C-alpha atoms as a PDB file:
ATOM      1  CA  UNK A   1     -19.313  99.451 111.536  1.00  0.00           C
ATOM      2  CA  UNK A   2     -18.410  97.512 114.714  1.00  0.00           C
ATOM      3  CA  UNK A   3     -15.906  95.139 115.045  1.00  0.00           C
ATOM      4  CA  UNK A   4     -15.399  93.082 117.976  1.00  0.00           C
ATOM      5  CA  UNK A   5     -11.980  92.567 119.672  1.00  0.00           C
ATOM      6  CA  UNK A   6     -10.528  89.884 121.919  1.00  0.00           C
ATOM      7  CA  UNK A   7     -11.045  91.903 125.350  1.00  0.00           C
ATOM      8  CA  UNK A   8     -14.863  92.245 124.624  1.00  0.00           C
ATOM      9  CA  UNK A   9     -14.731  96.037 123.716  1.00  0.00           C
ATOM     10  CA  UNK A  10     -15.467  97.093 120.013  1.00  0.00           C
ATOM     11  CA  UNK A  11     -13.450  99.036 117.364  1.00  0.00           C
ATOM     12  CA  UNK A  12     -15.788 101.456 115.753  1.00  0.00           C
ATOM     13  CA  UNK A  13     -15.663 102.941 112.325  1.00  0.00           C
ATOM     14  CA  UNK A  14     -16.695 106.352 112.644  1.00  0.00           C
ATOM     15  CA  UNK A  15     -19.767 107.458 109.783  1.00  0.00           C
ATOM     16  CA  UNK A  16     -18.269 108.883 106.762  1.00  0.00           C
ATOM     17  CA  UNK A  17     -19.751 112.449 107.928  1.00  0.00           C
ATOM     18  CA  UNK A  18     -18.553 112.250 111.398  1.00  0.00           C
ATOM     19  CA  UNK A  19     -16.701 115.388 112.555  1.00  0.00           C
ATOM     20  CA  UNK A  20     -13.150 115.022 113.095  1.00  0.00           C
ATOM     21  CA  UNK A  21     -12.453 114.567 116.697  1.00  0.00           C
ATOM     22  CA  UNK A  22      -9.483 114.801 118.984  1.00  0.00           C
ATOM     23  CA  UNK A  23      -9.511 113.257 122.558  1.00  0.00           C
ATOM     24  CA  UNK A  24      -7.921 113.772 125.797  1.00  0.00           C
ATOM     25  CA  UNK A  25      -7.717 111.470 128.797  1.00  0.00           C
ATOM     26  CA  UNK A  26      -6.723 113.721 131.806  1.00  0.00           C
ATOM     27  CA  UNK A  27      -4.832 112.439 134.955  1.00  0.00           C
ATOM     28  CA  UNK A  28      -4.518 115.786 136.728  1.00  0.00           C
ATOM     29  CA  UNK A  29      -6.473 115.860 140.026  1.00  0.00           C
ATOM     30  CA  UNK A  30      -7.046 111.978 140.159  1.00  0.00           C
ATOM     31  CA  UNK A  31      -3.894 111.076 142.184  1.00  0.00           C
ATOM     32  CA  UNK A  32      -2.317 107.847 141.539  1.00  0.00           C
ATOM     33  CA  UNK A  33      -5.532 106.141 140.604  1.00  0.00           C
ATOM     34  CA  UNK A  34      -5.129 106.664 136.650  1.00  0.00           C
ATOM     35  CA  UNK A  35      -1.630 104.510 137.047  1.00  0.00           C
ATOM     36  CA  UNK A  36      -3.589 101.467 138.680  1.00  0.00           C
ATOM     37  CA  UNK A  37      -3.751  98.111 136.695  1.00  0.00           C
ATOM     38  CA  UNK A  38      -6.943  96.670 135.493  1.00  0.00           C
ATOM     39  CA  UNK A  39      -6.622  93.196 133.750  1.00  0.00           C
ATOM     40  CA  UNK A  40      -2.851  94.386 133.178  1.00  0.00           C
ATOM     41  CA  UNK A  41      -3.411  97.829 131.943  1.00  0.00           C
ATOM     42  CA  UNK A  42      -3.286 100.953 133.544  1.00  0.00           C
ATOM     43  CA  UNK A  43      -6.631 103.092 133.462  1.00  0.00           C
ATOM     44  CA  UNK A  44      -5.000 105.865 131.428  1.00  0.00           C
ATOM     45  CA  UNK A  45      -3.912 103.343 128.859  1.00  0.00           C
ATOM     46  CA  UNK A  46      -7.120 101.587 128.631  1.00  0.00           C
ATOM     47  CA  UNK A  47      -8.778 105.211 128.326  1.00  0.00           C
ATOM     48  CA  UNK A  48      -6.651 106.422 125.519  1.00  0.00           C
ATOM     49  CA  UNK A  49      -7.001 102.832 123.844  1.00  0.00           C
ATOM     50  CA  UNK A  50     -10.887 103.274 123.815  1.00  0.00           C
ATOM     51  CA  UNK A  51     -10.449 106.545 122.419  1.00  0.00           C
ATOM     52  CA  UNK A  52      -8.457 105.202 119.529  1.00  0.00           C
ATOM     53  CA  UNK A  53     -11.058 102.369 118.738  1.00  0.00           C
ATOM     54  CA  UNK A  54     -13.943 105.084 118.865  1.00  0.00           C
ATOM     55  CA  UNK A  55     -12.128 106.580 115.748  1.00  0.00           C
ATOM     56  CA  UNK A  56     -10.851 109.476 117.938  1.00  0.00           C
ATOM     57  CA  UNK A  57      -7.187 110.893 117.276  1.00  0.00           C
ATOM     58  CA  UNK A  58      -5.457 111.616 120.590  1.00  0.00           C
ATOM     59  CA  UNK A  59      -4.384 115.249 121.238  1.00  0.00           C
ATOM     60  CA  UNK A  60      -0.560 116.089 120.487  1.00  0.00           C
ATOM     61  CA  UNK A  61       1.075 117.211 123.839  1.00  0.00           C
ATOM     62  CA  UNK A  62       2.342 120.547 122.262  1.00  0.00           C
ATOM     63  CA  UNK A  63      -1.155 121.638 120.965  1.00  0.00           C
ATOM     64  CA  UNK A  64      -2.451 124.825 122.807  1.00  0.00           C
ATOM     65  CA  UNK A  65      -5.799 125.762 123.801  1.00  0.00           C
ATOM     66  CA  UNK A  66      -5.777 128.503 121.149  1.00  0.00           C
ATOM     67  CA  UNK A  67      -4.838 125.967 118.541  1.00  0.00           C
ATOM     68  CA  UNK A  68      -7.530 123.501 119.511  1.00  0.00           C
ATOM     69  CA  UNK A  69     -10.086 126.331 119.426  1.00  0.00           C
ATOM     70  CA  UNK A  70      -9.162 127.573 115.983  1.00  0.00           C
ATOM     71  CA  UNK A  71      -8.686 123.574 114.545  1.00  0.00           C
ATOM     72  CA  UNK A  72     -12.679 123.267 113.824  1.00  0.00           C
ATOM     73  CA  UNK A  73     -12.062 119.801 115.743  1.00  0.00           C
ATOM     74  CA  UNK A  74     -14.642 118.227 118.560  1.00  0.00           C
ATOM     75  CA  UNK A  75     -13.114 117.476 121.912  1.00  0.00           C
ATOM     76  CA  UNK A  76     -13.770 114.407 123.596  1.00  0.00           C
ATOM     77  CA  UNK A  77     -12.715 114.313 127.134  1.00  0.00           C
ATOM     78  CA  UNK A  78     -12.468 110.910 128.452  1.00  0.00           C
ATOM     79  CA  UNK A  79     -12.080 110.170 132.225  1.00  0.00           C
ATOM     80  CA  UNK A  80      -9.470 107.406 132.992  1.00  0.00           C
ATOM     81  CA  UNK A  81     -11.242 106.645 136.179  1.00  0.00           C
ATOM     82  CA  UNK A  82     -14.151 105.361 133.713  1.00  0.00           C
ATOM     83  CA  UNK A  83     -11.880 102.473 132.402  1.00  0.00           C
ATOM     84  CA  UNK A  84     -14.365 100.149 130.677  1.00  0.00           C
ATOM     85  CA  UNK A  85     -16.458 102.824 129.020  1.00  0.00           C
ATOM     86  CA  UNK A  86     -16.987 100.887 125.897  1.00  0.00           C
ATOM     87  CA  UNK A  87     -15.895 102.435 122.637  1.00  0.00           C
ATOM     88  CA  UNK A  88     -19.092 102.580 121.227  1.00  0.00           C
ATOM     89  CA  UNK A  89     -20.565 104.602 123.611  1.00  0.00           C
ATOM     90  CA  UNK A  90     -17.794 106.966 123.172  1.00  0.00           C
ATOM     91  CA  UNK A  91     -18.557 107.115 119.485  1.00  0.00           C
ATOM     92  CA  UNK A  92     -22.671 107.358 120.002  1.00  0.00           C
ATOM     93  CA  UNK A  93     -21.944 110.317 122.254  1.00  0.00           C
ATOM     94  CA  UNK A  94     -19.628 111.892 119.596  1.00  0.00           C
ATOM     95  CA  UNK A  95     -22.389 111.274 116.998  1.00  0.00           C
ATOM     96  CA  UNK A  96     -24.988 112.865 119.589  1.00  0.00           C
ATOM     97  CA  UNK A  97     -22.842 115.907 120.038  1.00  0.00           C
ATOM     98  CA  UNK A  98     -22.258 116.233 116.176  1.00  0.00           C
ATOM     99  CA  UNK A  99     -26.192 116.062 115.441  1.00  0.00           C
ATOM    100  CA  UNK A 100     -27.195 118.288 118.364  1.00  0.00           C
ATOM    101  CA  UNK A 101     -24.320 120.790 118.638  1.00  0.00           C
ATOM    102  CA  UNK A 102     -24.452 120.639 122.092  1.00  0.00           C
ATOM    103  CA  UNK A 103     -22.109 119.473 125.023  1.00  0.00           C
ATOM    104  CA  UNK A 104     -22.926 115.859 125.427  1.00  0.00           C
ATOM    105  CA  UNK A 105     -21.923 114.216 128.996  1.00  0.00           C
ATOM    106  CA  UNK A 106     -22.009 110.346 129.834  1.00  0.00           C
ATOM    107  CA  UNK A 107     -24.091 109.983 132.989  1.00  0.00           C
ATOM    108  CA  UNK A 108     -25.259 107.443 135.383  1.00  0.00           C
ATOM    109  CA  UNK A 109     -28.330 107.074 137.480  1.00  0.00           C
ATOM    110  CA  UNK A 110     -27.680 107.702 141.284  1.00  0.00           C
ATOM    111  CA  UNK A 111     -28.369 104.272 143.171  1.00  0.00           C
ATOM    112  CA  UNK A 112     -27.129 105.310 146.513  1.00  0.00           C
ATOM    113  CA  UNK A 113     -29.701 106.687 149.125  1.00  0.00           C
ATOM    114  CA  UNK A 114     -29.155 110.727 149.165  1.00  0.00           C
ATOM    115  CA  UNK A 115     -30.351 112.745 152.108  1.00  0.00           C
ATOM    116  CA  UNK A 116     -30.512 116.784 152.930  1.00  0.00           C
ATOM    117  CA  UNK A 117     -28.763 118.169 155.402  1.00  0.00           C
ATOM    118  CA  UNK A 118     -29.077 121.202 157.449  1.00  0.00           C
ATOM    119  CA  UNK A 119     -26.554 121.851 160.158  1.00  0.00           C
ATOM    120  CA  UNK A 120     -26.020 118.804 162.179  1.00  0.00           C
ATOM    121  CA  UNK A 121     -29.543 117.627 161.021  1.00  0.00           C
ATOM    122  CA  UNK A 122     -30.387 115.077 158.456  1.00  0.00           C
ATOM    123  CA  UNK A 123     -33.559 115.593 156.603  1.00  0.00           C
ATOM    124  CA  UNK A 124     -35.694 114.041 153.992  1.00  0.00           C
ATOM    125  CA  UNK A 125     -34.495 111.540 151.421  1.00  0.00           C
ATOM    126  CA  UNK A 126     -33.924 113.132 147.992  1.00  0.00           C
ATOM    127  CA  UNK A 127     -35.945 111.602 144.740  1.00  0.00           C
ATOM    128  CA  UNK A 128     -33.291 109.791 143.010  1.00  0.00           C
ATOM    129  CA  UNK A 129     -34.789 109.835 139.685  1.00  0.00           C
ATOM    130  CA  UNK A 130     -33.973 113.403 139.270  1.00  0.00           C
ATOM    131  CA  UNK A 131     -30.236 112.833 140.138  1.00  0.00           C
ATOM    132  CA  UNK A 132     -27.201 111.840 137.728  1.00  0.00           C
ATOM    133  CA  UNK A 133     -23.444 111.014 138.323  1.00  0.00           C
ATOM    134  CA  UNK A 134     -21.368 112.271 135.599  1.00  0.00           C
ATOM    135  CA  UNK A 135     -19.207 109.617 134.332  1.00  0.00           C
ATOM    136  CA  UNK A 136     -17.580 109.682 130.586  1.00  0.00           C
ATOM    137  CA  UNK A 137     -17.226 111.061 127.942  1.00  0.00           C
ATOM    138  CA  UNK A 138     -17.656 114.728 127.843  1.00  0.00           C
ATOM    139  CA  UNK A 139     -17.953 115.656 124.175  1.00  0.00           C
ATOM    140  CA  UNK A 140     -17.479 119.208 123.397  1.00  0.00           C
ATOM    141  CA  UNK A 141     -18.430 119.941 119.763  1.00  0.00           C
ATOM    142  CA  UNK A 142     -16.437 122.245 117.471  1.00  0.00           C
ATOM    143  CA  UNK A 143     -18.712 125.229 117.757  1.00  0.00           C
ATOM    144  CA  UNK A 144     -18.527 124.984 121.829  1.00  0.00           C
ATOM    145  CA  UNK A 145     -14.862 124.523 121.454  1.00  0.00           C
ATOM    146  CA  UNK A 146     -14.551 127.746 119.346  1.00  0.00           C
ATOM    147  CA  UNK A 147     -16.631 129.787 121.857  1.00  0.00           C
ATOM    148  CA  UNK A 148     -14.618 129.018 124.849  1.00  0.00           C
ATOM    149  CA  UNK A 149     -11.768 131.476 125.216  1.00  0.00           C
ATOM    150  CA  UNK A 150     -10.201 129.716 128.556  1.00  0.00           C
ATOM    151  CA  UNK A 151      -8.907 125.943 128.387  1.00  0.00           C
ATOM    152  CA  UNK A 152     -11.370 124.129 130.410  1.00  0.00           C
ATOM    153  CA  UNK A 153     -10.154 122.740 133.890  1.00  0.00           C
ATOM    154  CA  UNK A 154     -10.686 118.921 133.386  1.00  0.00           C
ATOM    155  CA  UNK A 155      -9.704 117.830 137.125  1.00  0.00           C
ATOM    156  CA  UNK A 156     -13.131 117.615 137.838  1.00  0.00           C
ATOM    157  CA  UNK A 157     -15.645 116.496 135.287  1.00  0.00           C
ATOM    158  CA  UNK A 158     -18.612 117.211 137.430  1.00  0.00           C
ATOM    159  CA  UNK A 159     -17.508 120.976 138.235  1.00  0.00           C
ATOM    160  CA  UNK A 160     -16.742 121.288 134.301  1.00  0.00           C
ATOM    161  CA  UNK A 161     -20.317 120.407 133.319  1.00  0.00           C
ATOM    162  CA  UNK A 162     -21.659 122.675 135.809  1.00  0.00           C
ATOM    163  CA  UNK A 163     -19.719 125.511 134.112  1.00  0.00           C
ATOM    164  CA  UNK A 164     -20.614 124.289 130.719  1.00  0.00           C
ATOM    165  CA  UNK A 165     -24.196 124.134 131.851  1.00  0.00           C
ATOM    166  CA  UNK A 166     -24.192 128.083 132.399  1.00  0.00           C
ATOM    167  CA  UNK A 167     -23.085 129.007 128.754  1.00  0.00           C
ATOM    168  CA  UNK A 168     -23.871 125.854 126.565  1.00  0.00           C
ATOM    169  CA  UNK A 169     -26.779 123.445 125.854  1.00  0.00           C
ATOM    170  CA  UNK A 170     -26.092 120.084 127.487  1.00  0.00           C
ATOM    171  CA  UNK A 171     -27.399 116.924 126.766  1.00  0.00           C
ATOM    172  CA  UNK A 172     -27.107 113.851 128.952  1.00  0.00           C
ATOM    173  CA  UNK A 173     -26.617 110.024 127.815  1.00  0.00           C
ATOM    174  CA  UNK A 174     -27.021 107.314 129.997  1.00  0.00           C
ATOM    175  CA  UNK A 175     -23.772 105.428 130.153  1.00  0.00           C
ATOM    176  CA  UNK A 176     -23.529 101.588 130.335  1.00  0.00           C
ATOM    177  CA  UNK A 177     -23.221  99.819 133.630  1.00  0.00           C
ATOM    178  CA  UNK A 178     -19.631  99.143 132.514  1.00  0.00           C
ATOM    179  CA  UNK A 179     -18.967 102.857 132.254  1.00  0.00           C
ATOM    180  CA  UNK A 180     -19.476 103.725 136.075  1.00  0.00           C
ATOM    181  CA  UNK A 181     -16.614 105.989 137.339  1.00  0.00           C
ATOM    182  CA  UNK A 182     -14.462 104.696 140.125  1.00  0.00           C
ATOM    183  CA  UNK A 183     -13.173 106.615 143.161  1.00  0.00           C
ATOM    184  CA  UNK A 184     -10.715 104.317 145.153  1.00  0.00           C
ATOM    185  CA  UNK A 185      -9.048 100.856 144.946  1.00  0.00           C
ATOM    186  CA  UNK A 186     -11.904  99.017 146.332  1.00  0.00           C
ATOM    187  CA  UNK A 187     -14.089 100.416 143.680  1.00  0.00           C
ATOM    188  CA  UNK A 188     -11.846  99.575 140.972  1.00  0.00           C
ATOM    189  CA  UNK A 189     -11.684  95.797 142.321  1.00  0.00           C
ATOM    190  CA  UNK A 190     -15.600  95.670 142.184  1.00  0.00           C
ATOM    191  CA  UNK A 191     -15.590  97.095 138.793  1.00  0.00           C
ATOM    192  CA  UNK A 192     -12.812  94.413 137.590  1.00  0.00           C
ATOM    193  CA  UNK A 193     -15.384  91.603 139.126  1.00  0.00           C
ATOM    194  CA  UNK A 194     -18.310  93.004 137.867  1.00  0.00           C
ATOM    195  CA  UNK A 195     -16.387  92.915 134.371  1.00  0.00           C
ATOM    196  CA  UNK A 196     -15.436  89.250 134.807  1.00  0.00           C
ATOM    197  CA  UNK A 197     -19.171  88.644 135.643  1.00  0.00           C
ATOM    198  CA  UNK A 198     -20.383  90.405 132.368  1.00  0.00           C
ATOM    199  CA  UNK A 199     -18.247  88.300 130.256  1.00  0.00           C
ATOM    200  CA  UNK A 200     -20.063  85.051 131.576  1.00  0.00           C
END
């Protein structure tokens, strides 16, 4: 069931057969940007609120990776630098991970022009149809979590996904336009303006 809220996002009731999940909104490696404000709320608060609206319990600070691994829980990683990712999309990614027993990650199509580079020479344009940029969330089903002996490095989701692909099946799910990742303050202003246009 989906219930609209006053800020345009949704509160999503998990399916009765949904796997129990715990969520993390990591801030390490992201500078001060997770503390920046968007519509009066910090990005990290928006991220944790989106997890809660998706029916995901927040990870307790004192829970070790060994305890998480043994818990049988699905782990949902939600990057605060994707502050407007709808909770309904987070829930969709969790359900996809539960059904496929694969790592599920949110991605966005690359829209910038990408060129090959060799030394100082700029080469041909790369076909963007085969390129994706990692956004949020990254969902680790319980079977994957239990197989990970070492706590994952959450400072860089793209690097995390690259390492996960070496051991596990990874499924890409295209994130909505509001789920784009920001890199700096100017990108945050653009996202905020885009969100205002979307509400019209």
